């Protein structure tokens, strides 16, 4: 029969495990910190401390230690890494720390896995996501969203693969923090659509002042095609479609009367010699429908 492991004895082994796991947040890979023998040693300790007869069964205390290990990692590593960061640097640090945190949580969940037996609550992995949500996202989400909207603006100008990869990681993070309900992603989508409407409303106003009807429609078609290709790299397909609908509405539908006046001016000035067989309004609708907005696939799906 195996000797009883007291809390004083076992907690030293558990503390050693938690300290190593926290180093994953510093960038160390789990395989470097934990050998196969280490995993066996720590798992075996947790297992036996959990199945010992009372009063030496420490399953409740070990679960509390697991939760504390998660919270310590966040308060000691994650939150300080986000201080004084803004815009893309904030989002880059956030997504990097989230990726490291998931590795740490997965490592600890494997070692503490026996605690899930007979437990009716969340799994250890689910618990780790809730912990990150409560300590990081619940308080700082608005900063993350504002930075993501700003980064989306920047990408329209720079068309950077690096920026789009970061936006995709941020979108995935918002989904993860929704804890199965896409709550934060939906908030991000709503803010993104509102910002997109404002952006394209201003762009449409500037373009109508300095372009003919034909040039305006050509530039709009190209612009929306590029917006679709860009957004498809970091949004779900249904979000891409909503984004394009908002953009097209601002660029074409809501300014239809102004565009008709521009078209009339082209015809009266002789700058459009092609015989117009459709009414002006029908022609405008035809142009809107012919824009290259056919269905596409999203890398987020």
C-alpha atoms as a PDB file:
ATOM      1  CA  UNK A   1       0.000   0.000   0.000  1.00  0.00           C
ATOM      2  CA  UNK A   2       1.335   3.417  -0.969  1.00  0.00           C
ATOM      3  CA  UNK A   3       2.240   5.725   1.929  1.00  0.00           C
ATOM      4  CA  UNK A   4      -0.045   8.666   2.580  1.00  0.00           C
ATOM      5  CA  UNK A   5       1.079  11.942   1.000  1.00  0.00           C
ATOM      6  CA  UNK A   6       0.472  14.796   3.400  1.00  0.00           C
ATOM      7  CA  UNK A   7      -0.555  18.213   2.140  1.00  0.00           C
ATOM      8  CA  UNK A   8       2.791  19.643   3.234  1.00  0.00           C
ATOM      9  CA  UNK A   9       4.676  17.026   1.226  1.00  0.00           C
ATOM     10  CA  UNK A  10       2.459  17.034  -1.825  1.00  0.00           C
ATOM     11  CA  UNK A  11       2.036  20.780  -2.057  1.00  0.00           C
ATOM     12  CA  UNK A  12       5.792  21.183  -2.588  1.00  0.00           C
ATOM     13  CA  UNK A  13       5.579  19.027  -5.704  1.00  0.00           C
ATOM     14  CA  UNK A  14       2.450  20.860  -6.881  1.00  0.00           C
ATOM     15  CA  UNK A  15       4.106  24.254  -6.338  1.00  0.00           C
ATOM     16  CA  UNK A  16       7.095  23.148  -8.395  1.00  0.00           C
ATOM     17  CA  UNK A  17       4.724  22.145 -11.182  1.00  0.00           C
ATOM     18  CA  UNK A  18       2.821  25.454 -11.110  1.00  0.00           C
ATOM     19  CA  UNK A  19       6.001  27.526 -11.129  1.00  0.00           C
ATOM     20  CA  UNK A  20       7.291  25.659 -14.178  1.00  0.00           C
ATOM     21  CA  UNK A  21       3.974  26.037 -15.961  1.00  0.00           C
ATOM     22  CA  UNK A  22       3.975  29.790 -15.350  1.00  0.00           C
ATOM     23  CA  UNK A  23       7.262  30.021 -17.275  1.00  0.00           C
ATOM     24  CA  UNK A  24       5.312  29.107 -20.414  1.00  0.00           C
ATOM     25  CA  UNK A  25       3.942  32.664 -20.248  1.00  0.00           C
ATOM     26  CA  UNK A  26       7.530  33.878 -20.568  1.00  0.00           C
ATOM     27  CA  UNK A  27       7.818  32.131 -23.915  1.00  0.00           C
ATOM     28  CA  UNK A  28       9.241  28.753 -22.930  1.00  0.00           C
ATOM     29  CA  UNK A  29       7.798  25.732 -24.703  1.00  0.00           C
ATOM     30  CA  UNK A  30       6.148  23.073 -22.499  1.00  0.00           C
ATOM     31  CA  UNK A  31       8.407  20.396 -23.986  1.00  0.00           C
ATOM     32  CA  UNK A  32      11.459  22.286 -22.760  1.00  0.00           C
ATOM     33  CA  UNK A  33      10.132  22.736 -19.229  1.00  0.00           C
ATOM     34  CA  UNK A  34       8.470  19.353 -18.730  1.00  0.00           C
ATOM     35  CA  UNK A  35      10.052  15.993 -19.523  1.00  0.00           C
ATOM     36  CA  UNK A  36       7.970  12.850 -19.732  1.00  0.00           C
ATOM     37  CA  UNK A  37       9.221  11.956 -16.280  1.00  0.00           C
ATOM     38  CA  UNK A  38       8.053  15.346 -14.989  1.00  0.00           C
ATOM     39  CA  UNK A  39       4.525  14.808 -16.316  1.00  0.00           C
ATOM     40  CA  UNK A  40       4.354  11.381 -14.694  1.00  0.00           C
ATOM     41  CA  UNK A  41       5.718  12.723 -11.410  1.00  0.00           C
ATOM     42  CA  UNK A  42       3.254  15.636 -11.185  1.00  0.00           C
ATOM     43  CA  UNK A  43       0.230  13.707 -12.440  1.00  0.00           C
ATOM     44  CA  UNK A  44       0.968  10.861 -10.055  1.00  0.00           C
ATOM     45  CA  UNK A  45       1.206  13.282  -7.130  1.00  0.00           C
ATOM     46  CA  UNK A  46      -2.123  14.942  -7.957  1.00  0.00           C
ATOM     47  CA  UNK A  47      -3.790  11.594  -8.524  1.00  0.00           C
ATOM     48  CA  UNK A  48      -2.735  10.046  -5.237  1.00  0.00           C
ATOM     49  CA  UNK A  49      -3.505  13.197  -3.249  1.00  0.00           C
ATOM     50  CA  UNK A  50      -7.006  13.086  -4.733  1.00  0.00           C
ATOM     51  CA  UNK A  51      -7.824   9.403  -4.090  1.00  0.00           C
ATOM     52  CA  UNK A  52      -6.406   9.041  -0.595  1.00  0.00           C
ATOM     53  CA  UNK A  53      -8.955   8.281   2.132  1.00  0.00           C
ATOM     54  CA  UNK A  54     -10.235  11.104   4.286  1.00  0.00           C
ATOM     55  CA  UNK A  55      -8.912  13.167   5.929  1.00  0.00           C
ATOM     56  CA  UNK A  56      -6.056  12.950   3.390  1.00  0.00           C
ATOM     57  CA  UNK A  57      -8.123  13.432   0.241  1.00  0.00           C
ATOM     58  CA  UNK A  58      -7.148  16.832  -1.156  1.00  0.00           C
ATOM     59  CA  UNK A  59      -9.176  17.046  -4.376  1.00  0.00           C
ATOM     60  CA  UNK A  60     -10.929  20.253  -3.303  1.00  0.00           C
ATOM     61  CA  UNK A  61      -7.661  21.912  -2.280  1.00  0.00           C
ATOM     62  CA  UNK A  62      -5.968  20.831  -5.508  1.00  0.00           C
ATOM     63  CA  UNK A  63      -8.754  22.282  -7.630  1.00  0.00           C
ATOM     64  CA  UNK A  64      -8.381  25.549  -5.746  1.00  0.00           C
ATOM     65  CA  UNK A  65      -4.629  25.428  -6.409  1.00  0.00           C
ATOM     66  CA  UNK A  66      -5.279  24.881 -10.114  1.00  0.00           C
ATOM     67  CA  UNK A  67      -7.481  27.982 -10.201  1.00  0.00           C
ATOM     68  CA  UNK A  68      -4.914  29.975  -8.269  1.00  0.00           C
ATOM     69  CA  UNK A  69      -2.190  28.924 -10.718  1.00  0.00           C
ATOM     70  CA  UNK A  70      -4.262  30.333 -13.579  1.00  0.00           C
ATOM     71  CA  UNK A  71      -4.965  33.584 -11.741  1.00  0.00           C
ATOM     72  CA  UNK A  72      -1.296  33.975 -10.761  1.00  0.00           C
ATOM     73  CA  UNK A  73      -0.214  33.549 -14.353  1.00  0.00           C
ATOM     74  CA  UNK A  74      -2.627  36.251 -15.466  1.00  0.00           C
ATOM     75  CA  UNK A  75      -1.898  38.761 -12.693  1.00  0.00           C
ATOM     76  CA  UNK A  76       1.865  38.204 -12.687  1.00  0.00           C
ATOM     77  CA  UNK A  77       2.508  37.856 -16.417  1.00  0.00           C
ATOM     78  CA  UNK A  78      -0.413  38.648 -18.707  1.00  0.00           C
ATOM     79  CA  UNK A  79      -1.791  41.884 -17.248  1.00  0.00           C
ATOM     80  CA  UNK A  80       1.621  43.532 -16.682  1.00  0.00           C
ATOM     81  CA  UNK A  81       2.562  42.733 -20.298  1.00  0.00           C
ATOM     82  CA  UNK A  82      -0.439  44.766 -21.509  1.00  0.00           C
ATOM     83  CA  UNK A  83       0.278  47.870 -19.451  1.00  0.00           C
ATOM     84  CA  UNK A  84       1.168  51.037 -21.406  1.00  0.00           C
ATOM     85  CA  UNK A  85       0.497  49.365 -24.757  1.00  0.00           C
ATOM     86  CA  UNK A  86      -1.903  50.713 -27.368  1.00  0.00           C
ATOM     87  CA  UNK A  87      -3.146  49.964 -30.864  1.00  0.00           C
ATOM     88  CA  UNK A  88      -1.343  47.169 -32.729  1.00  0.00           C
ATOM     89  CA  UNK A  89       1.254  46.630 -29.987  1.00  0.00           C
ATOM     90  CA  UNK A  90      -1.562  46.013 -27.496  1.00  0.00           C
ATOM     91  CA  UNK A  91      -3.306  43.520 -29.772  1.00  0.00           C
ATOM     92  CA  UNK A  92      -0.061  41.755 -30.653  1.00  0.00           C
ATOM     93  CA  UNK A  93       0.812  41.316 -26.983  1.00  0.00           C
ATOM     94  CA  UNK A  94      -2.732  40.237 -26.150  1.00  0.00           C
ATOM     95  CA  UNK A  95      -2.901  37.535 -28.818  1.00  0.00           C
ATOM     96  CA  UNK A  96       0.630  36.321 -28.015  1.00  0.00           C
ATOM     97  CA  UNK A  97      -0.167  36.047 -24.315  1.00  0.00           C
ATOM     98  CA  UNK A  98      -3.483  34.329 -25.040  1.00  0.00           C
ATOM     99  CA  UNK A  99      -1.669  31.715 -27.137  1.00  0.00           C
ATOM    100  CA  UNK A 100       0.887  31.145 -24.369  1.00  0.00           C
ATOM    101  CA  UNK A 101      -1.802  31.075 -21.706  1.00  0.00           C
ATOM    102  CA  UNK A 102      -3.689  28.349 -23.583  1.00  0.00           C
ATOM    103  CA  UNK A 103      -0.503  26.268 -23.668  1.00  0.00           C
ATOM    104  CA  UNK A 104      -0.007  26.783 -19.931  1.00  0.00           C
ATOM    105  CA  UNK A 105      -3.638  25.940 -19.183  1.00  0.00           C
ATOM    106  CA  UNK A 106      -3.487  22.825 -21.374  1.00  0.00           C
ATOM    107  CA  UNK A 107      -0.338  21.663 -19.604  1.00  0.00           C
ATOM    108  CA  UNK A 108      -1.842  22.169 -16.135  1.00  0.00           C
ATOM    109  CA  UNK A 109      -5.168  20.648 -17.174  1.00  0.00           C
ATOM    110  CA  UNK A 110      -3.351  17.494 -18.252  1.00  0.00           C
ATOM    111  CA  UNK A 111      -1.519  17.209 -14.949  1.00  0.00           C
ATOM    112  CA  UNK A 112      -4.632  17.963 -12.872  1.00  0.00           C
ATOM    113  CA  UNK A 113      -6.903  15.969 -15.178  1.00  0.00           C
ATOM    114  CA  UNK A 114      -8.013  13.456 -12.537  1.00  0.00           C
ATOM    115  CA  UNK A 115      -9.862  16.266 -10.765  1.00  0.00           C
ATOM    116  CA  UNK A 116     -12.473  16.235 -13.540  1.00  0.00           C
ATOM    117  CA  UNK A 117     -13.624  12.744 -12.563  1.00  0.00           C
ATOM    118  CA  UNK A 118     -16.996  12.973 -10.882  1.00  0.00           C
ATOM    119  CA  UNK A 119     -17.016  16.777 -11.163  1.00  0.00           C
ATOM    120  CA  UNK A 120     -20.179  18.199 -12.746  1.00  0.00           C
ATOM    121  CA  UNK A 121     -18.932  21.711 -13.421  1.00  0.00           C
ATOM    122  CA  UNK A 122     -16.838  23.105 -16.273  1.00  0.00           C
ATOM    123  CA  UNK A 123     -13.852  21.164 -17.536  1.00  0.00           C
ATOM    124  CA  UNK A 124     -10.434  22.456 -16.522  1.00  0.00           C
ATOM    125  CA  UNK A 125      -9.897  23.884 -20.016  1.00  0.00           C
ATOM    126  CA  UNK A 126     -13.272  25.650 -19.903  1.00  0.00           C
ATOM    127  CA  UNK A 127     -12.426  26.944 -16.449  1.00  0.00           C
ATOM    128  CA  UNK A 128      -9.150  28.373 -17.738  1.00  0.00           C
ATOM    129  CA  UNK A 129     -10.994  30.307 -20.486  1.00  0.00           C
ATOM    130  CA  UNK A 130     -13.468  31.700 -17.940  1.00  0.00           C
ATOM    131  CA  UNK A 131     -10.570  32.799 -15.757  1.00  0.00           C
ATOM    132  CA  UNK A 132      -8.918  34.715 -18.612  1.00  0.00           C
ATOM    133  CA  UNK A 133     -12.247  36.264 -19.519  1.00  0.00           C
ATOM    134  CA  UNK A 134     -12.969  37.425 -15.979  1.00  0.00           C
ATOM    135  CA  UNK A 135      -9.514  38.843 -15.268  1.00  0.00           C
ATOM    136  CA  UNK A 136      -8.580  40.247 -18.665  1.00  0.00           C
ATOM    137  CA  UNK A 137     -11.369  40.600 -21.218  1.00  0.00           C
ATOM    138  CA  UNK A 138     -14.272  41.605 -18.992  1.00  0.00           C
ATOM    139  CA  UNK A 139     -12.415  44.729 -17.857  1.00  0.00           C
ATOM    140  CA  UNK A 140     -10.318  45.604 -20.906  1.00  0.00           C
ATOM    141  CA  UNK A 141     -12.461  44.494 -23.855  1.00  0.00           C
ATOM    142  CA  UNK A 142     -13.370  48.041 -24.936  1.00  0.00           C
ATOM    143  CA  UNK A 143      -9.665  48.882 -25.313  1.00  0.00           C
ATOM    144  CA  UNK A 144      -9.117  45.743 -27.377  1.00  0.00           C
ATOM    145  CA  UNK A 145     -12.093  46.529 -29.614  1.00  0.00           C
ATOM    146  CA  UNK A 146     -11.043  50.150 -30.164  1.00  0.00           C
ATOM    147  CA  UNK A 147      -7.535  49.004 -31.076  1.00  0.00           C
ATOM    148  CA  UNK A 148      -8.952  46.436 -33.515  1.00  0.00           C
ATOM    149  CA  UNK A 149     -11.119  49.055 -35.242  1.00  0.00           C
ATOM    150  CA  UNK A 150      -8.091  51.343 -35.542  1.00  0.00           C
ATOM    151  CA  UNK A 151      -6.032  48.474 -36.959  1.00  0.00           C
ATOM    152  CA  UNK A 152      -8.742  47.770 -39.523  1.00  0.00           C
ATOM    153  CA  UNK A 153      -8.481  51.398 -40.692  1.00  0.00           C
ATOM    154  CA  UNK A 154      -4.729  51.020 -41.008  1.00  0.00           C
ATOM    155  CA  UNK A 155      -5.074  47.864 -43.072  1.00  0.00           C
ATOM    156  CA  UNK A 156      -7.269  49.626 -45.651  1.00  0.00           C
ATOM    157  CA  UNK A 157      -4.356  51.954 -46.337  1.00  0.00           C
ATOM    158  CA  UNK A 158      -1.419  49.566 -46.012  1.00  0.00           C
ATOM    159  CA  UNK A 159      -2.940  46.252 -47.175  1.00  0.00           C
ATOM    160  CA  UNK A 160      -0.476  44.408 -44.964  1.00  0.00           C
ATOM    161  CA  UNK A 161      -0.541  40.590 -44.598  1.00  0.00           C
ATOM    162  CA  UNK A 162       0.971  41.058 -41.137  1.00  0.00           C
ATOM    163  CA  UNK A 163      -1.891  43.320 -40.068  1.00  0.00           C
ATOM    164  CA  UNK A 164      -4.492  40.927 -41.443  1.00  0.00           C
ATOM    165  CA  UNK A 165      -2.959  37.998 -39.611  1.00  0.00           C
ATOM    166  CA  UNK A 166      -3.148  40.027 -36.407  1.00  0.00           C
ATOM    167  CA  UNK A 167      -6.775  40.969 -37.144  1.00  0.00           C
ATOM    168  CA  UNK A 168      -7.598  37.306 -37.706  1.00  0.00           C
ATOM    169  CA  UNK A 169      -5.987  36.407 -34.373  1.00  0.00           C
ATOM    170  CA  UNK A 170      -7.955  39.159 -32.650  1.00  0.00           C
ATOM    171  CA  UNK A 171     -11.215  37.974 -34.230  1.00  0.00           C
ATOM    172  CA  UNK A 172     -10.471  34.446 -33.044  1.00  0.00           C
ATOM    173  CA  UNK A 173      -9.713  35.777 -29.569  1.00  0.00           C
ATOM    174  CA  UNK A 174     -13.087  37.549 -29.442  1.00  0.00           C
ATOM    175  CA  UNK A 175     -14.785  34.273 -30.404  1.00  0.00           C
ATOM    176  CA  UNK A 176     -12.835  32.385 -27.726  1.00  0.00           C
ATOM    177  CA  UNK A 177     -13.789  34.938 -25.099  1.00  0.00           C
ATOM    178  CA  UNK A 178     -17.452  34.581 -26.040  1.00  0.00           C
ATOM    179  CA  UNK A 179     -17.247  31.196 -24.303  1.00  0.00           C
ATOM    180  CA  UNK A 180     -19.389  29.514 -26.921  1.00  0.00           C
ATOM    181  CA  UNK A 181     -21.756  32.422 -27.582  1.00  0.00           C
ATOM    182  CA  UNK A 182     -19.674  34.739 -29.815  1.00  0.00           C
ATOM    183  CA  UNK A 183     -20.677  37.605 -27.529  1.00  0.00           C
ATOM    184  CA  UNK A 184     -17.513  39.655 -27.962  1.00  0.00           C
ATOM    185  CA  UNK A 185     -17.185  38.835 -31.656  1.00  0.00           C
ATOM    186  CA  UNK A 186     -20.744  40.055 -32.241  1.00  0.00           C
ATOM    187  CA  UNK A 187     -19.933  43.276 -30.386  1.00  0.00           C
ATOM    188  CA  UNK A 188     -16.816  43.670 -32.514  1.00  0.00           C
ATOM    189  CA  UNK A 189     -18.836  43.036 -35.683  1.00  0.00           C
ATOM    190  CA  UNK A 190     -21.420  45.654 -34.689  1.00  0.00           C
ATOM    191  CA  UNK A 191     -18.729  48.266 -34.007  1.00  0.00           C
ATOM    192  CA  UNK A 192     -16.932  47.332 -37.230  1.00  0.00           C
ATOM    193  CA  UNK A 193     -20.080  47.791 -39.312  1.00  0.00           C
ATOM    194  CA  UNK A 194     -20.779  51.194 -37.775  1.00  0.00           C
ATOM    195  CA  UNK A 195     -17.201  52.307 -38.413  1.00  0.00           C
ATOM    196  CA  UNK A 196     -17.350  50.953 -41.967  1.00  0.00           C
ATOM    197  CA  UNK A 197     -20.518  52.950 -42.669  1.00  0.00           C
ATOM    198  CA  UNK A 198     -18.821  56.127 -41.481  1.00  0.00           C
ATOM    199  CA  UNK A 199     -15.663  55.423 -43.485  1.00  0.00           C
ATOM    200  CA  UNK A 200     -17.435  54.757 -46.775  1.00  0.00           C
ATOM    201  CA  UNK A 201     -19.883  57.609 -46.338  1.00  0.00           C
ATOM    202  CA  UNK A 202     -16.954  60.036 -46.123  1.00  0.00           C
ATOM    203  CA  UNK A 203     -15.149  58.334 -49.004  1.00  0.00           C
ATOM    204  CA  UNK A 204     -18.255  58.521 -51.209  1.00  0.00           C
ATOM    205  CA  UNK A 205     -18.617  62.220 -50.472  1.00  0.00           C
ATOM    206  CA  UNK A 206     -15.005  62.941 -51.478  1.00  0.00           C
ATOM    207  CA  UNK A 207     -15.179  60.850 -54.641  1.00  0.00           C
ATOM    208  CA  UNK A 208     -18.408  62.427 -55.885  1.00  0.00           C
ATOM    209  CA  UNK A 209     -16.782  65.861 -55.704  1.00  0.00           C
ATOM    210  CA  UNK A 210     -13.881  65.025 -57.997  1.00  0.00           C
ATOM    211  CA  UNK A 211     -14.993  62.188 -60.289  1.00  0.00           C
ATOM    212  CA  UNK A 212     -17.420  61.633 -63.146  1.00  0.00           C
ATOM    213  CA  UNK A 213     -20.211  59.091 -62.793  1.00  0.00           C
ATOM    214  CA  UNK A 214     -18.324  56.472 -64.821  1.00  0.00           C
ATOM    215  CA  UNK A 215     -15.069  56.908 -62.906  1.00  0.00           C
ATOM    216  CA  UNK A 216     -16.924  56.920 -59.592  1.00  0.00           C
ATOM    217  CA  UNK A 217     -18.628  53.588 -60.324  1.00  0.00           C
ATOM    218  CA  UNK A 218     -15.376  52.054 -61.580  1.00  0.00           C
ATOM    219  CA  UNK A 219     -13.517  53.137 -58.447  1.00  0.00           C
ATOM    220  CA  UNK A 220     -16.368  51.926 -56.237  1.00  0.00           C
ATOM    221  CA  UNK A 221     -16.399  48.524 -57.900  1.00  0.00           C
ATOM    222  CA  UNK A 222     -12.645  48.130 -57.383  1.00  0.00           C
ATOM    223  CA  UNK A 223     -12.869  49.388 -53.818  1.00  0.00           C
ATOM    224  CA  UNK A 224     -15.606  46.943 -52.815  1.00  0.00           C
ATOM    225  CA  UNK A 225     -13.829  44.047 -54.485  1.00  0.00           C
ATOM    226  CA  UNK A 226     -10.675  44.842 -52.493  1.00  0.00           C
ATOM    227  CA  UNK A 227     -12.708  45.232 -49.298  1.00  0.00           C
ATOM    228  CA  UNK A 228     -14.190  41.780 -49.802  1.00  0.00           C
ATOM    229  CA  UNK A 229     -10.794  40.161 -50.407  1.00  0.00           C
ATOM    230  CA  UNK A 230      -9.326  41.947 -47.384  1.00  0.00           C
ATOM    231  CA  UNK A 231     -12.131  41.261 -44.924  1.00  0.00           C
ATOM    232  CA  UNK A 232     -12.415  37.608 -45.934  1.00  0.00           C
ATOM    233  CA  UNK A 233      -9.006  37.030 -44.431  1.00  0.00           C
ATOM    234  CA  UNK A 234     -10.052  37.808 -40.860  1.00  0.00           C
ATOM    235  CA  UNK A 235     -13.868  37.730 -40.600  1.00  0.00           C
ATOM    236  CA  UNK A 236     -16.475  35.003 -40.819  1.00  0.00           C
ATOM    237  CA  UNK A 237     -18.268  34.880 -44.156  1.00  0.00           C
ATOM    238  CA  UNK A 238     -21.571  36.203 -42.803  1.00  0.00           C
ATOM    239  CA  UNK A 239     -19.671  39.177 -41.347  1.00  0.00           C
ATOM    240  CA  UNK A 240     -17.956  39.786 -44.688  1.00  0.00           C
ATOM    241  CA  UNK A 241     -21.330  39.891 -46.419  1.00  0.00           C
ATOM    242  CA  UNK A 242     -22.713  42.351 -43.863  1.00  0.00           C
ATOM    243  CA  UNK A 243     -19.628  44.528 -44.266  1.00  0.00           C
ATOM    244  CA  UNK A 244     -20.011  44.632 -48.045  1.00  0.00           C
ATOM    245  CA  UNK A 245     -23.714  45.433 -47.788  1.00  0.00           C
ATOM    246  CA  UNK A 246     -22.917  48.390 -45.531  1.00  0.00           C
ATOM    247  CA  UNK A 247     -20.155  49.612 -47.828  1.00  0.00           C
ATOM    248  CA  UNK A 248     -22.261  49.292 -50.980  1.00  0.00           C
ATOM    249  CA  UNK A 249     -25.162  51.046 -49.293  1.00  0.00           C
ATOM    250  CA  UNK A 250     -22.975  54.037 -48.444  1.00  0.00           C
ATOM    251  CA  UNK A 251     -21.238  54.155 -51.814  1.00  0.00           C
ATOM    252  CA  UNK A 252     -24.242  53.540 -54.077  1.00  0.00           C
ATOM    253  CA  UNK A 253     -27.711  52.992 -52.643  1.00  0.00           C
ATOM    254  CA  UNK A 254     -27.865  55.972 -50.291  1.00  0.00           C
ATOM    255  CA  UNK A 255     -26.439  58.367 -52.863  1.00  0.00           C
ATOM    256  CA  UNK A 256     -28.447  57.116 -55.855  1.00  0.00           C
ATOM    257  CA  UNK A 257     -30.050  60.502 -56.541  1.00  0.00           C
ATOM    258  CA  UNK A 258     -26.683  62.281 -56.548  1.00  0.00           C
ATOM    259  CA  UNK A 259     -25.268  59.645 -58.883  1.00  0.00           C
ATOM    260  CA  UNK A 260     -28.188  60.096 -61.256  1.00  0.00           C
ATOM    261  CA  UNK A 261     -27.419  63.802 -61.436  1.00  0.00           C
ATOM    262  CA  UNK A 262     -23.780  62.984 -62.197  1.00  0.00           C
ATOM    263  CA  UNK A 263     -24.887  60.648 -64.977  1.00  0.00           C
ATOM    264  CA  UNK A 264     -27.219  63.273 -66.453  1.00  0.00           C
ATOM    265  CA  UNK A 265     -24.342  65.751 -66.476  1.00  0.00           C
ATOM    266  CA  UNK A 266     -22.158  63.290 -68.408  1.00  0.00           C
ATOM    267  CA  UNK A 267     -24.848  62.783 -71.036  1.00  0.00           C
ATOM    268  CA  UNK A 268     -25.666  66.460 -71.422  1.00  0.00           C
ATOM    269  CA  UNK A 269     -21.991  67.355 -71.736  1.00  0.00           C
ATOM    270  CA  UNK A 270     -21.453  64.759 -74.391  1.00  0.00           C
ATOM    271  CA  UNK A 271     -18.844  62.931 -72.312  1.00  0.00           C
ATOM    272  CA  UNK A 272     -20.786  59.679 -72.590  1.00  0.00           C
ATOM    273  CA  UNK A 273     -21.509  59.159 -76.316  1.00  0.00           C
ATOM    274  CA  UNK A 274     -22.826  55.595 -75.865  1.00  0.00           C
ATOM    275  CA  UNK A 275     -26.547  55.418 -76.468  1.00  0.00           C
ATOM    276  CA  UNK A 276     -28.391  54.910 -73.206  1.00  0.00           C
ATOM    277  CA  UNK A 277     -30.963  52.163 -73.761  1.00  0.00           C
ATOM    278  CA  UNK A 278     -32.075  51.877 -70.142  1.00  0.00           C
ATOM    279  CA  UNK A 279     -33.495  54.600 -68.035  1.00  0.00           C
ATOM    280  CA  UNK A 280     -30.868  56.265 -65.888  1.00  0.00           C
ATOM    281  CA  UNK A 281     -32.204  54.693 -62.726  1.00  0.00           C
ATOM    282  CA  UNK A 282     -32.325  51.221 -64.256  1.00  0.00           C
ATOM    283  CA  UNK A 283     -28.772  51.651 -65.446  1.00  0.00           C
ATOM    284  CA  UNK A 284     -27.633  52.580 -61.975  1.00  0.00           C
ATOM    285  CA  UNK A 285     -29.318  49.513 -60.486  1.00  0.00           C
ATOM    286  CA  UNK A 286     -27.680  47.359 -63.139  1.00  0.00           C
ATOM    287  CA  UNK A 287     -24.270  48.754 -62.284  1.00  0.00           C
ATOM    288  CA  UNK A 288     -24.830  48.140 -58.591  1.00  0.00           C
ATOM    289  CA  UNK A 289     -25.845  44.541 -59.208  1.00  0.00           C
ATOM    290  CA  UNK A 290     -22.896  43.866 -61.521  1.00  0.00           C
ATOM    291  CA  UNK A 291     -20.240  44.771 -58.972  1.00  0.00           C
ATOM    292  CA  UNK A 292     -17.872  41.907 -58.200  1.00  0.00           C
ATOM    293  CA  UNK A 293     -19.440  40.852 -54.884  1.00  0.00           C
ATOM    294  CA  UNK A 294     -20.108  37.202 -55.627  1.00  0.00           C
ATOM    295  CA  UNK A 295     -19.914  34.714 -52.768  1.00  0.00           C
ATOM    296  CA  UNK A 296     -16.496  33.854 -51.451  1.00  0.00           C
ATOM    297  CA  UNK A 297     -14.998  31.853 -48.664  1.00  0.00           C
ATOM    298  CA  UNK A 298     -13.667  33.146 -45.387  1.00  0.00           C
ATOM    299  CA  UNK A 299     -10.448  32.040 -43.745  1.00  0.00           C
ATOM    300  CA  UNK A 300     -12.224  32.314 -40.402  1.00  0.00           C
ATOM    301  CA  UNK A 301     -14.696  29.535 -41.274  1.00  0.00           C
END
